[in-house]
């Protein structure tokens, strides 16, 4: 029988918090990126693409780990490569889904092969899949800051035309918006966001930050202001709450983050159902 103390142990908790200061900052930045990018992921129906990009991001990180290069750089390289393939070859939804379905097993297979050949610590292998609570050192935090600045600055510039193109691509194109170029640009930003997420929560569970918070927000509002605001808030609660729980637990960070994220989505669905029931009555 599993004892709850085997999963949670908050003794000396105050002494452990400084050990994850970088993780908390990185988690907050990731929540900001994921919450904002996730809105357009939902509008543009790219949830499946997020998973495909994460698999190639994992493969890039694993290969770079094997050959002794920077894992973060490998993750970014894999993400951007997958994003470029999806952006340039997957113009239509059917083509995009087929490409993602091909990339996912390929990336996962290559990544697992690289990890199997890696002679180093098992924690490094496991962390690429499920995240590591204390893996965010100063260089990784600096990389996260740079990534967040790039993604947020690009979204600020592109927000209005990207929103227009995401909600009604045909009308946007008729008004002179270059929807093709916007689509390519956004998928590349998505690649950067996925690469950042892989470093914190692992390759298998990036959907918890890049899809679920935005999906929950869209259940509660259709406002152009409140949807991104709620999405970022839900991502923050999931990321920081999961990090703090993982600090006092024995499990990787991912189960905590994904559970909180799922519970938020479940509550949002219940609120939406209650509202609809009141309107019907």
C-alpha atoms as a PDB file:
ATOM      1  CA  UNK A   1       0.000   0.000   0.000  1.00  0.00           C
ATOM      2  CA  UNK A   2       1.328   3.433  -0.962  1.00  0.00           C
ATOM      3  CA  UNK A   3       1.834   5.842   1.917  1.00  0.00           C
ATOM      4  CA  UNK A   4       1.087   9.509   1.139  1.00  0.00           C
ATOM      5  CA  UNK A   5       4.404  10.388   2.778  1.00  0.00           C
ATOM      6  CA  UNK A   6       6.117   8.421   0.015  1.00  0.00           C
ATOM      7  CA  UNK A   7       4.740  10.942  -2.508  1.00  0.00           C
ATOM      8  CA  UNK A   8       4.739  14.175  -0.488  1.00  0.00           C
ATOM      9  CA  UNK A   9       7.263  15.242   2.108  1.00  0.00           C
ATOM     10  CA  UNK A  10       7.256  18.925   2.983  1.00  0.00           C
ATOM     11  CA  UNK A  11       9.832  18.786   5.759  1.00  0.00           C
ATOM     12  CA  UNK A  12      12.532  21.454   5.348  1.00  0.00           C
ATOM     13  CA  UNK A  13      10.394  22.886   2.547  1.00  0.00           C
ATOM     14  CA  UNK A  14      11.546  26.457   3.213  1.00  0.00           C
ATOM     15  CA  UNK A  15      15.154  25.383   2.691  1.00  0.00           C
ATOM     16  CA  UNK A  16      14.337  23.715  -0.623  1.00  0.00           C
ATOM     17  CA  UNK A  17      12.562  26.660  -2.268  1.00  0.00           C
ATOM     18  CA  UNK A  18      15.798  28.581  -3.030  1.00  0.00           C
ATOM     19  CA  UNK A  19      16.980  25.526  -4.983  1.00  0.00           C
ATOM     20  CA  UNK A  20      14.201  26.020  -7.526  1.00  0.00           C
ATOM     21  CA  UNK A  21      14.249  29.804  -7.793  1.00  0.00           C
ATOM     22  CA  UNK A  22      15.406  29.546 -11.407  1.00  0.00           C
ATOM     23  CA  UNK A  23      12.723  26.943 -12.127  1.00  0.00           C
ATOM     24  CA  UNK A  24      10.021  29.227 -10.759  1.00  0.00           C
ATOM     25  CA  UNK A  25      11.178  32.132 -12.910  1.00  0.00           C
ATOM     26  CA  UNK A  26      11.496  29.875 -15.937  1.00  0.00           C
ATOM     27  CA  UNK A  27       8.065  28.423 -15.206  1.00  0.00           C
ATOM     28  CA  UNK A  28       6.524  31.888 -15.068  1.00  0.00           C
ATOM     29  CA  UNK A  29       8.118  32.813 -18.396  1.00  0.00           C
ATOM     30  CA  UNK A  30       6.998  29.535 -19.929  1.00  0.00           C
ATOM     31  CA  UNK A  31       3.455  30.109 -18.690  1.00  0.00           C
ATOM     32  CA  UNK A  32       3.448  33.532 -20.321  1.00  0.00           C
ATOM     33  CA  UNK A  33       4.686  32.110 -23.622  1.00  0.00           C
ATOM     34  CA  UNK A  34       2.426  29.060 -23.497  1.00  0.00           C
ATOM     35  CA  UNK A  35      -0.656  30.997 -22.482  1.00  0.00           C
ATOM     36  CA  UNK A  36      -0.332  33.501 -25.322  1.00  0.00           C
ATOM     37  CA  UNK A  37       0.785  31.078 -28.032  1.00  0.00           C
ATOM     38  CA  UNK A  38      -1.853  28.569 -26.950  1.00  0.00           C
ATOM     39  CA  UNK A  39      -4.658  30.949 -27.906  1.00  0.00           C
ATOM     40  CA  UNK A  40      -3.561  30.864 -31.540  1.00  0.00           C
ATOM     41  CA  UNK A  41      -2.819  27.137 -31.359  1.00  0.00           C
ATOM     42  CA  UNK A  42      -6.501  26.629 -30.551  1.00  0.00           C
ATOM     43  CA  UNK A  43      -7.784  29.148 -33.101  1.00  0.00           C
ATOM     44  CA  UNK A  44      -5.630  27.658 -35.870  1.00  0.00           C
ATOM     45  CA  UNK A  45      -6.276  24.029 -34.836  1.00  0.00           C
ATOM     46  CA  UNK A  46      -2.597  23.242 -34.322  1.00  0.00           C
ATOM     47  CA  UNK A  47      -2.879  21.106 -31.173  1.00  0.00           C
ATOM     48  CA  UNK A  48      -1.687  18.017 -33.023  1.00  0.00           C
ATOM     49  CA  UNK A  49       1.234  19.993 -34.467  1.00  0.00           C
ATOM     50  CA  UNK A  50       2.402  20.902 -30.940  1.00  0.00           C
ATOM     51  CA  UNK A  51       2.845  17.221 -30.159  1.00  0.00           C
ATOM     52  CA  UNK A  52       4.691  16.596 -33.420  1.00  0.00           C
ATOM     53  CA  UNK A  53       7.088  19.496 -32.865  1.00  0.00           C
ATOM     54  CA  UNK A  54       7.756  18.336 -29.296  1.00  0.00           C
ATOM     55  CA  UNK A  55       8.792  14.886 -30.518  1.00  0.00           C
ATOM     56  CA  UNK A  56      11.400  16.330 -32.903  1.00  0.00           C
ATOM     57  CA  UNK A  57      12.486  18.781 -30.191  1.00  0.00           C
ATOM     58  CA  UNK A  58      13.075  15.782 -27.936  1.00  0.00           C
ATOM     59  CA  UNK A  59      15.023  14.051 -30.720  1.00  0.00           C
ATOM     60  CA  UNK A  60      17.228  17.114 -31.252  1.00  0.00           C
ATOM     61  CA  UNK A  61      17.928  17.423 -27.536  1.00  0.00           C
ATOM     62  CA  UNK A  62      18.704  13.711 -27.216  1.00  0.00           C
ATOM     63  CA  UNK A  63      21.086  13.726 -30.193  1.00  0.00           C
ATOM     64  CA  UNK A  64      22.919  16.799 -28.902  1.00  0.00           C
ATOM     65  CA  UNK A  65      23.147  15.171 -25.457  1.00  0.00           C
ATOM     66  CA  UNK A  66      24.652  12.059 -27.061  1.00  0.00           C
ATOM     67  CA  UNK A  67      27.317  13.949 -29.011  1.00  0.00           C
ATOM     68  CA  UNK A  68      28.187  16.256 -26.113  1.00  0.00           C
ATOM     69  CA  UNK A  69      26.640  19.495 -27.359  1.00  0.00           C
ATOM     70  CA  UNK A  70      24.231  21.879 -25.638  1.00  0.00           C
ATOM     71  CA  UNK A  71      20.890  20.152 -25.037  1.00  0.00           C
ATOM     72  CA  UNK A  72      18.941  23.431 -25.191  1.00  0.00           C
ATOM     73  CA  UNK A  73      20.422  24.219 -28.592  1.00  0.00           C
ATOM     74  CA  UNK A  74      19.512  20.730 -29.781  1.00  0.00           C
ATOM     75  CA  UNK A  75      15.957  21.161 -28.560  1.00  0.00           C
ATOM     76  CA  UNK A  76      15.612  24.481 -30.373  1.00  0.00           C
ATOM     77  CA  UNK A  77      17.132  23.015 -33.537  1.00  0.00           C
ATOM     78  CA  UNK A  78      14.715  20.060 -33.513  1.00  0.00           C
ATOM     79  CA  UNK A  79      11.707  22.273 -32.822  1.00  0.00           C
ATOM     80  CA  UNK A  80      12.515  24.772 -35.560  1.00  0.00           C
ATOM     81  CA  UNK A  81      13.211  21.969 -38.043  1.00  0.00           C
ATOM     82  CA  UNK A  82       9.832  20.377 -37.311  1.00  0.00           C
ATOM     83  CA  UNK A  83       8.097  23.768 -37.413  1.00  0.00           C
ATOM     84  CA  UNK A  84       9.676  24.553 -40.784  1.00  0.00           C
ATOM     85  CA  UNK A  85       8.585  21.204 -42.229  1.00  0.00           C
ATOM     86  CA  UNK A  86       5.021  21.692 -40.994  1.00  0.00           C
ATOM     87  CA  UNK A  87       4.868  25.350 -42.071  1.00  0.00           C
ATOM     88  CA  UNK A  88       6.183  24.886 -45.608  1.00  0.00           C
ATOM     89  CA  UNK A  89       4.737  21.478 -46.446  1.00  0.00           C
ATOM     90  CA  UNK A  90       1.520  21.460 -44.440  1.00  0.00           C
ATOM     91  CA  UNK A  91      -0.403  24.295 -46.037  1.00  0.00           C
ATOM     92  CA  UNK A  92      -3.728  22.462 -45.750  1.00  0.00           C
ATOM     93  CA  UNK A  93      -5.020  20.881 -42.552  1.00  0.00           C
ATOM     94  CA  UNK A  94      -5.084  17.384 -44.060  1.00  0.00           C
ATOM     95  CA  UNK A  95      -1.493  17.668 -45.288  1.00  0.00           C
ATOM     96  CA  UNK A  96      -0.376  19.141 -41.966  1.00  0.00           C
ATOM     97  CA  UNK A  97      -1.912  16.292 -39.959  1.00  0.00           C
ATOM     98  CA  UNK A  98      -0.283  13.705 -42.214  1.00  0.00           C
ATOM     99  CA  UNK A  99       3.123  15.365 -41.828  1.00  0.00           C
ATOM    100  CA  UNK A 100       2.758  15.542 -38.050  1.00  0.00           C
ATOM    101  CA  UNK A 101       1.705  11.887 -37.921  1.00  0.00           C
ATOM    102  CA  UNK A 102       4.912  10.999 -39.789  1.00  0.00           C
ATOM    103  CA  UNK A 103       7.153  13.251 -37.678  1.00  0.00           C
ATOM    104  CA  UNK A 104       5.912  12.013 -34.302  1.00  0.00           C
ATOM    105  CA  UNK A 105       7.070   8.382 -34.442  1.00  0.00           C
ATOM    106  CA  UNK A 106      10.229   9.343 -36.321  1.00  0.00           C
ATOM    107  CA  UNK A 107      11.234  11.939 -33.728  1.00  0.00           C
ATOM    108  CA  UNK A 108      10.354   9.699 -30.799  1.00  0.00           C
ATOM    109  CA  UNK A 109      12.251   6.767 -32.305  1.00  0.00           C
ATOM    110  CA  UNK A 110      15.380   8.799 -33.042  1.00  0.00           C
ATOM    111  CA  UNK A 111      15.269  10.362 -29.581  1.00  0.00           C
ATOM    112  CA  UNK A 112      14.926   7.018 -27.806  1.00  0.00           C
ATOM    113  CA  UNK A 113      17.762   5.584 -29.893  1.00  0.00           C
ATOM    114  CA  UNK A 114      20.031   8.497 -28.922  1.00  0.00           C
ATOM    115  CA  UNK A 115      19.140   8.136 -25.238  1.00  0.00           C
ATOM    116  CA  UNK A 116      19.788   4.389 -25.384  1.00  0.00           C
ATOM    117  CA  UNK A 117      23.282   5.061 -26.712  1.00  0.00           C
ATOM    118  CA  UNK A 118      23.975   7.829 -24.177  1.00  0.00           C
ATOM    119  CA  UNK A 119      26.324   6.508 -21.465  1.00  0.00           C
ATOM    120  CA  UNK A 120      25.652   9.251 -18.903  1.00  0.00           C
ATOM    121  CA  UNK A 121      23.294   9.585 -15.949  1.00  0.00           C
ATOM    122  CA  UNK A 122      19.781   8.167 -16.288  1.00  0.00           C
ATOM    123  CA  UNK A 123      18.336  11.381 -14.830  1.00  0.00           C
ATOM    124  CA  UNK A 124      19.443  13.275 -17.923  1.00  0.00           C
ATOM    125  CA  UNK A 125      17.627  10.778 -20.119  1.00  0.00           C
ATOM    126  CA  UNK A 126      14.434  10.773 -18.067  1.00  0.00           C
ATOM    127  CA  UNK A 127      14.392  14.565 -17.750  1.00  0.00           C
ATOM    128  CA  UNK A 128      14.096  15.108 -21.500  1.00  0.00           C
ATOM    129  CA  UNK A 129      10.809  13.215 -21.437  1.00  0.00           C
ATOM    130  CA  UNK A 130       9.250  14.319 -18.144  1.00  0.00           C
ATOM    131  CA  UNK A 131      11.127  17.464 -17.091  1.00  0.00           C
ATOM    132  CA  UNK A 132      13.479  18.120 -14.197  1.00  0.00           C
ATOM    133  CA  UNK A 133      12.653  20.267 -11.190  1.00  0.00           C
ATOM    134  CA  UNK A 134      16.204  21.519 -10.570  1.00  0.00           C
ATOM    135  CA  UNK A 135      17.509  21.397 -14.134  1.00  0.00           C
ATOM    136  CA  UNK A 136      17.167  25.125 -14.823  1.00  0.00           C
ATOM    137  CA  UNK A 137      20.601  26.631 -14.250  1.00  0.00           C
ATOM    138  CA  UNK A 138      21.555  30.235 -15.015  1.00  0.00           C
ATOM    139  CA  UNK A 139      22.404  29.626 -18.714  1.00  0.00           C
ATOM    140  CA  UNK A 140      19.062  27.876 -19.286  1.00  0.00           C
ATOM    141  CA  UNK A 141      17.209  30.674 -17.518  1.00  0.00           C
ATOM    142  CA  UNK A 142      18.987  33.213 -19.729  1.00  0.00           C
ATOM    143  CA  UNK A 143      17.956  31.211 -22.792  1.00  0.00           C
ATOM    144  CA  UNK A 144      14.383  31.151 -21.499  1.00  0.00           C
ATOM    145  CA  UNK A 145      14.393  34.929 -21.034  1.00  0.00           C
ATOM    146  CA  UNK A 146      15.684  35.459 -24.578  1.00  0.00           C
ATOM    147  CA  UNK A 147      13.094  33.054 -25.969  1.00  0.00           C
ATOM    148  CA  UNK A 148      10.290  34.761 -24.043  1.00  0.00           C
ATOM    149  CA  UNK A 149      11.336  38.207 -25.274  1.00  0.00           C
ATOM    150  CA  UNK A 150      11.467  37.020 -28.895  1.00  0.00           C
ATOM    151  CA  UNK A 151       8.099  35.235 -28.768  1.00  0.00           C
ATOM    152  CA  UNK A 152       6.221  37.937 -26.843  1.00  0.00           C
ATOM    153  CA  UNK A 153       7.680  40.781 -28.947  1.00  0.00           C
ATOM    154  CA  UNK A 154       6.722  38.964 -32.154  1.00  0.00           C
ATOM    155  CA  UNK A 155       3.208  38.313 -30.852  1.00  0.00           C
ATOM    156  CA  UNK A 156       2.751  41.971 -29.905  1.00  0.00           C
ATOM    157  CA  UNK A 157       3.641  42.990 -33.460  1.00  0.00           C
ATOM    158  CA  UNK A 158       1.576  40.261 -35.124  1.00  0.00           C
ATOM    159  CA  UNK A 159      -1.359  40.046 -32.709  1.00  0.00           C
ATOM    160  CA  UNK A 160      -4.015  41.929 -34.683  1.00  0.00           C
ATOM    161  CA  UNK A 161      -3.340  40.488 -38.163  1.00  0.00           C
ATOM    162  CA  UNK A 162      -2.715  37.031 -36.699  1.00  0.00           C
ATOM    163  CA  UNK A 163      -6.013  37.158 -34.824  1.00  0.00           C
ATOM    164  CA  UNK A 164      -7.792  38.291 -37.983  1.00  0.00           C
ATOM    165  CA  UNK A 165      -6.186  35.550 -40.087  1.00  0.00           C
ATOM    166  CA  UNK A 166      -6.824  32.889 -37.429  1.00  0.00           C
ATOM    167  CA  UNK A 167     -10.532  33.644 -37.054  1.00  0.00           C
ATOM    168  CA  UNK A 168     -11.362  34.246 -40.741  1.00  0.00           C
ATOM    169  CA  UNK A 169      -8.500  33.502 -43.111  1.00  0.00           C
ATOM    170  CA  UNK A 170     -10.488  34.095 -46.304  1.00  0.00           C
ATOM    171  CA  UNK A 171     -11.698  37.567 -45.303  1.00  0.00           C
ATOM    172  CA  UNK A 172      -8.225  38.455 -44.000  1.00  0.00           C
ATOM    173  CA  UNK A 173      -6.667  37.433 -47.328  1.00  0.00           C
ATOM    174  CA  UNK A 174      -9.263  39.499 -49.192  1.00  0.00           C
ATOM    175  CA  UNK A 175      -8.299  42.510 -47.063  1.00  0.00           C
ATOM    176  CA  UNK A 176      -4.655  42.156 -48.097  1.00  0.00           C
ATOM    177  CA  UNK A 177      -3.292  40.187 -45.116  1.00  0.00           C
ATOM    178  CA  UNK A 178      -0.523  37.787 -46.143  1.00  0.00           C
ATOM    179  CA  UNK A 179      -2.037  34.789 -44.388  1.00  0.00           C
ATOM    180  CA  UNK A 180       0.559  32.364 -45.780  1.00  0.00           C
ATOM    181  CA  UNK A 181       3.489  34.347 -44.385  1.00  0.00           C
ATOM    182  CA  UNK A 182       1.696  34.867 -41.074  1.00  0.00           C
ATOM    183  CA  UNK A 183       1.060  31.144 -40.806  1.00  0.00           C
ATOM    184  CA  UNK A 184       4.710  30.305 -41.407  1.00  0.00           C
ATOM    185  CA  UNK A 185       5.844  32.941 -38.910  1.00  0.00           C
ATOM    186  CA  UNK A 186       3.486  31.690 -36.225  1.00  0.00           C
ATOM    187  CA  UNK A 187       4.489  28.044 -36.618  1.00  0.00           C
ATOM    188  CA  UNK A 188       8.143  29.071 -36.199  1.00  0.00           C
ATOM    189  CA  UNK A 189       7.199  30.938 -33.005  1.00  0.00           C
ATOM    190  CA  UNK A 190       5.371  27.813 -31.912  1.00  0.00           C
ATOM    191  CA  UNK A 191       8.596  25.874 -32.471  1.00  0.00           C
ATOM    192  CA  UNK A 192      10.452  28.212 -30.121  1.00  0.00           C
ATOM    193  CA  UNK A 193       7.707  27.894 -27.502  1.00  0.00           C
ATOM    194  CA  UNK A 194       7.801  24.098 -27.691  1.00  0.00           C
ATOM    195  CA  UNK A 195      11.598  24.063 -27.350  1.00  0.00           C
ATOM    196  CA  UNK A 196      11.273  26.179 -24.206  1.00  0.00           C
ATOM    197  CA  UNK A 197       8.575  23.909 -22.785  1.00  0.00           C
ATOM    198  CA  UNK A 198      10.562  20.718 -23.390  1.00  0.00           C
ATOM    199  CA  UNK A 199      13.328  22.007 -21.095  1.00  0.00           C
ATOM    200  CA  UNK A 200      10.890  22.377 -18.191  1.00  0.00           C
ATOM    201  CA  UNK A 201       8.068  19.832 -18.453  1.00  0.00           C
ATOM    202  CA  UNK A 202       9.614  17.378 -20.914  1.00  0.00           C
ATOM    203  CA  UNK A 203       8.746  16.429 -24.464  1.00  0.00           C
ATOM    204  CA  UNK A 204       5.785  14.193 -23.711  1.00  0.00           C
ATOM    205  CA  UNK A 205       3.624  16.692 -21.850  1.00  0.00           C
ATOM    206  CA  UNK A 206       4.038  20.104 -23.499  1.00  0.00           C
ATOM    207  CA  UNK A 207       0.335  20.046 -24.370  1.00  0.00           C
ATOM    208  CA  UNK A 208      -0.395  20.786 -20.709  1.00  0.00           C
ATOM    209  CA  UNK A 209       1.008  24.303 -21.143  1.00  0.00           C
ATOM    210  CA  UNK A 210       0.576  25.049 -24.832  1.00  0.00           C
ATOM    211  CA  UNK A 211      -2.958  23.719 -25.312  1.00  0.00           C
ATOM    212  CA  UNK A 212      -4.892  22.976 -22.114  1.00  0.00           C
ATOM    213  CA  UNK A 213      -4.835  26.489 -20.515  1.00  0.00           C
ATOM    214  CA  UNK A 214      -6.047  28.129 -23.732  1.00  0.00           C
ATOM    215  CA  UNK A 215      -8.657  25.401 -24.221  1.00  0.00           C
ATOM    216  CA  UNK A 216      -9.962  26.080 -20.699  1.00  0.00           C
ATOM    217  CA  UNK A 217      -9.996  29.845 -21.280  1.00  0.00           C
ATOM    218  CA  UNK A 218     -12.037  29.440 -24.467  1.00  0.00           C
ATOM    219  CA  UNK A 219     -14.640  27.519 -22.481  1.00  0.00           C
ATOM    220  CA  UNK A 220     -15.148  30.532 -20.231  1.00  0.00           C
ATOM    221  CA  UNK A 221     -14.954  33.493 -22.623  1.00  0.00           C
ATOM    222  CA  UNK A 222     -14.762  34.599 -26.243  1.00  0.00           C
ATOM    223  CA  UNK A 223     -13.343  38.029 -25.395  1.00  0.00           C
ATOM    224  CA  UNK A 224     -10.199  39.029 -27.257  1.00  0.00           C
ATOM    225  CA  UNK A 225      -8.855  40.330 -23.928  1.00  0.00           C
ATOM    226  CA  UNK A 226     -10.029  37.733 -21.431  1.00  0.00           C
ATOM    227  CA  UNK A 227      -9.137  34.606 -23.402  1.00  0.00           C
ATOM    228  CA  UNK A 228      -5.360  35.313 -23.476  1.00  0.00           C
ATOM    229  CA  UNK A 229      -5.466  36.744 -19.934  1.00  0.00           C
ATOM    230  CA  UNK A 230      -7.191  33.638 -18.546  1.00  0.00           C
ATOM    231  CA  UNK A 231      -4.955  31.362 -20.597  1.00  0.00           C
ATOM    232  CA  UNK A 232      -1.800  32.913 -19.120  1.00  0.00           C
ATOM    233  CA  UNK A 233      -3.288  32.829 -15.614  1.00  0.00           C
ATOM    234  CA  UNK A 234      -4.223  29.139 -15.908  1.00  0.00           C
ATOM    235  CA  UNK A 235      -0.759  28.312 -17.263  1.00  0.00           C
ATOM    236  CA  UNK A 236       0.836  30.200 -14.355  1.00  0.00           C
ATOM    237  CA  UNK A 237      -1.224  28.330 -11.760  1.00  0.00           C
ATOM    238  CA  UNK A 238      -0.412  24.991 -13.401  1.00  0.00           C
ATOM    239  CA  UNK A 239       3.296  25.668 -13.839  1.00  0.00           C
ATOM    240  CA  UNK A 240       4.096  27.331 -10.511  1.00  0.00           C
ATOM    241  CA  UNK A 241       1.712  25.116  -8.547  1.00  0.00           C
ATOM    242  CA  UNK A 242       3.180  22.009 -10.141  1.00  0.00           C
ATOM    243  CA  UNK A 243       6.727  23.168  -9.437  1.00  0.00           C
ATOM    244  CA  UNK A 244       6.010  23.844  -5.766  1.00  0.00           C
ATOM    245  CA  UNK A 245       4.249  20.495  -5.329  1.00  0.00           C
ATOM    246  CA  UNK A 246       7.063  18.645  -7.089  1.00  0.00           C
ATOM    247  CA  UNK A 247       9.547  20.255  -4.709  1.00  0.00           C
ATOM    248  CA  UNK A 248       7.870  18.466  -1.804  1.00  0.00           C
ATOM    249  CA  UNK A 249       7.241  15.264  -3.713  1.00  0.00           C
ATOM    250  CA  UNK A 250       9.125  12.333  -5.122  1.00  0.00           C
ATOM    251  CA  UNK A 251       7.601  12.397  -8.612  1.00  0.00           C
ATOM    252  CA  UNK A 252       8.813  14.386 -11.650  1.00  0.00           C
ATOM    253  CA  UNK A 253       7.307  17.795 -12.227  1.00  0.00           C
ATOM    254  CA  UNK A 254       5.112  16.745 -15.159  1.00  0.00           C
ATOM    255  CA  UNK A 255       2.407  14.777 -13.265  1.00  0.00           C
ATOM    256  CA  UNK A 256       1.748  17.736 -10.986  1.00  0.00           C
ATOM    257  CA  UNK A 257       1.620  20.287 -13.823  1.00  0.00           C
ATOM    258  CA  UNK A 258      -0.609  18.155 -16.010  1.00  0.00           C
ATOM    259  CA  UNK A 259      -2.977  17.262 -13.160  1.00  0.00           C
ATOM    260  CA  UNK A 260      -3.486  20.900 -12.150  1.00  0.00           C
ATOM    261  CA  UNK A 261      -3.914  21.886 -15.792  1.00  0.00           C
ATOM    262  CA  UNK A 262      -6.484  19.140 -16.355  1.00  0.00           C
ATOM    263  CA  UNK A 263      -8.432  20.068 -13.212  1.00  0.00           C
ATOM    264  CA  UNK A 264      -8.618  23.688 -14.372  1.00  0.00           C
ATOM    265  CA  UNK A 265      -9.918  22.527 -17.754  1.00  0.00           C
ATOM    266  CA  UNK A 266     -12.462  20.249 -16.056  1.00  0.00           C
ATOM    267  CA  UNK A 267     -13.747  23.095 -13.872  1.00  0.00           C
ATOM    268  CA  UNK A 268     -13.989  25.350 -16.946  1.00  0.00           C
ATOM    269  CA  UNK A 269     -16.063  22.693 -18.723  1.00  0.00           C
ATOM    270  CA  UNK A 270     -18.371  22.402 -15.706  1.00  0.00           C
ATOM    271  CA  UNK A 271     -18.807  26.192 -15.557  1.00  0.00           C
ATOM    272  CA  UNK A 272     -19.581  26.274 -19.286  1.00  0.00           C
ATOM    273  CA  UNK A 273     -22.120  23.468 -18.857  1.00  0.00           C
ATOM    274  CA  UNK A 274     -23.756  25.252 -15.905  1.00  0.00           C
ATOM    275  CA  UNK A 275     -24.035  28.482 -17.887  1.00  0.00           C
ATOM    276  CA  UNK A 276     -25.595  26.691 -20.847  1.00  0.00           C
ATOM    277  CA  UNK A 277     -28.065  24.926 -18.561  1.00  0.00           C
ATOM    278  CA  UNK A 278     -29.126  28.233 -17.015  1.00  0.00           C
ATOM    279  CA  UNK A 279     -29.649  29.770 -20.455  1.00  0.00           C
ATOM    280  CA  UNK A 280     -31.771  26.789 -21.601  1.00  0.00           C
ATOM    281  CA  UNK A 281     -33.943  27.087 -18.518  1.00  0.00           C
END
